[in-house]
Amino acid sequence: MKDGQFVIETFSLTKIFSDWWGRSRVVAVEDLNLKVRRNEVFGLLGPNGSGKTTVLKMLLGLLHPTRGKAMVLGGDGRNPRISAKIGFLPEESYLYPYLNARETLDFYGRLFGLNSVLRRSRVDALLDMVGLSGMANRPVGTFSKGMARRIGLAQALINDPELLILDEPTSGLDPIGTKQIKDLIVELAKRGKTVLLCSHLLADAEEVCDRIAILYGGRIQRQGSVDELLKQANRRQITTDIIDNDAVEKIRQIIEKQGSSFEMTEPMQRLESFFIDIVRQAQREKRPTSGVVNQMEATAADMAAAVSDVLDRLVAAKVEPAESAEPQKIVESIELKPDEDVLSRLTIDKQKDVKPPSQADEKRQEDIQKQQDVSKELLDKLVDDRPGDNKNG
């Protein structure tokens, strides 16, 4: 494979966590050699504690490997030029609870240096895509886990990344949201994006991943395409419409003559598709709901077209730096103009505004002076009359 076709490459990547005394205690990842091709959806699968999240952190430069090397987009994931092309959804959505959904996405857009016009366009498109356009002004601290997951995915896409790293993207989502996320991942790959998906929900990975690697104990146990790993080459499956019992009996006799076993069952619909059909029917009947609005009335083709339309708005627009050549600041500069009326009330011109004292002021000042003189005379008398000061003894 030509150079540049691998978006992620690791070479004997190893991470060993030490105890307080520096002694090696836990081997989280050991001799990991991984290659993720451009424009593919790669699944990194494994049980809890198998090292999936540790691998992601080393790819992003959040953890330094004990030995080995990781290359992301042809460079180091800690390089700002590389990280600007990565979208990351962590396992837990870390959001500012007092910002609303729109402010949250705008905040992340500023971090990537997007100009104001492009930020507004992408924020609106992303809120629509994740089903939160009706809750754009609601603080994210009041969101459920599933809703927080949706806004977390939106922030991972705000910079139109070349590489999208998703750690348990469907965690906390309802079946409708899960289906939408899976459709989105497939569509992103079609548009040239590379997706690295970490999950322990095998059914999700099976549907969207081109290739998978199964981790256990920090090592890759098996990797390859989904079809290669799951295909049972020693078995055959035939699906047909309803046939009469005579035809079934003839088929049985033919198969048994070849020494093979025969089993006939009625096919079953997947629970996910059954669930979505029920919800779609309820939405056609205009049943009220206070939950997240996911428009499911349309067919699968219509839903795919809707996802494609949103991505057109997100991906087609070229990412341009902010208007200023200076490094992007989180808070835009504000030109402060002095308010002359306020300043005149806050400051005093000593030469202009100080007025000469009136007769009433002079009389008040004389009374105060007289009171001070009387007080002084009384104090002098008390001091002179003390026993120790009696001149006649």
Foldseek 3Di string as FASTA:
>chain_A
DDPQQWQKFWAQFWAFDADPVRHTDATQAGGDTDTFGWLFEEEEEEDPSLNPVVVVCQQLVVDPTPDTDMAGSRHHNPDPVRVLQEFEQDPQQDFDQAAFLLVRLLLLLLVSQFAPVLSVLLSCLLCVLLLNNVRRRPGCNPDDRQVSLSSSVSSSPSSVHQEYEYEASCPPHDLLSLVSVLLLLQVSSVVTHYYYYYDHPVVSCLVRGQKYFYGGSNYTPDIDGSCVVPDDPVDDDDDDDDDDPVVVVVVCVVQVVVVDDDDDDDDDDDPSVVVLVVVLVCVVVVDDDPDRDDNSVDDPVVSSVSSVVSVCSRNVDDGDGYPDPDRRDSDDDDDDDDDVVVVPVVDDDPVPRDDDDDPVVVVVVVVVVVVVVVVVVVVVVVVCPDVVNPPVD
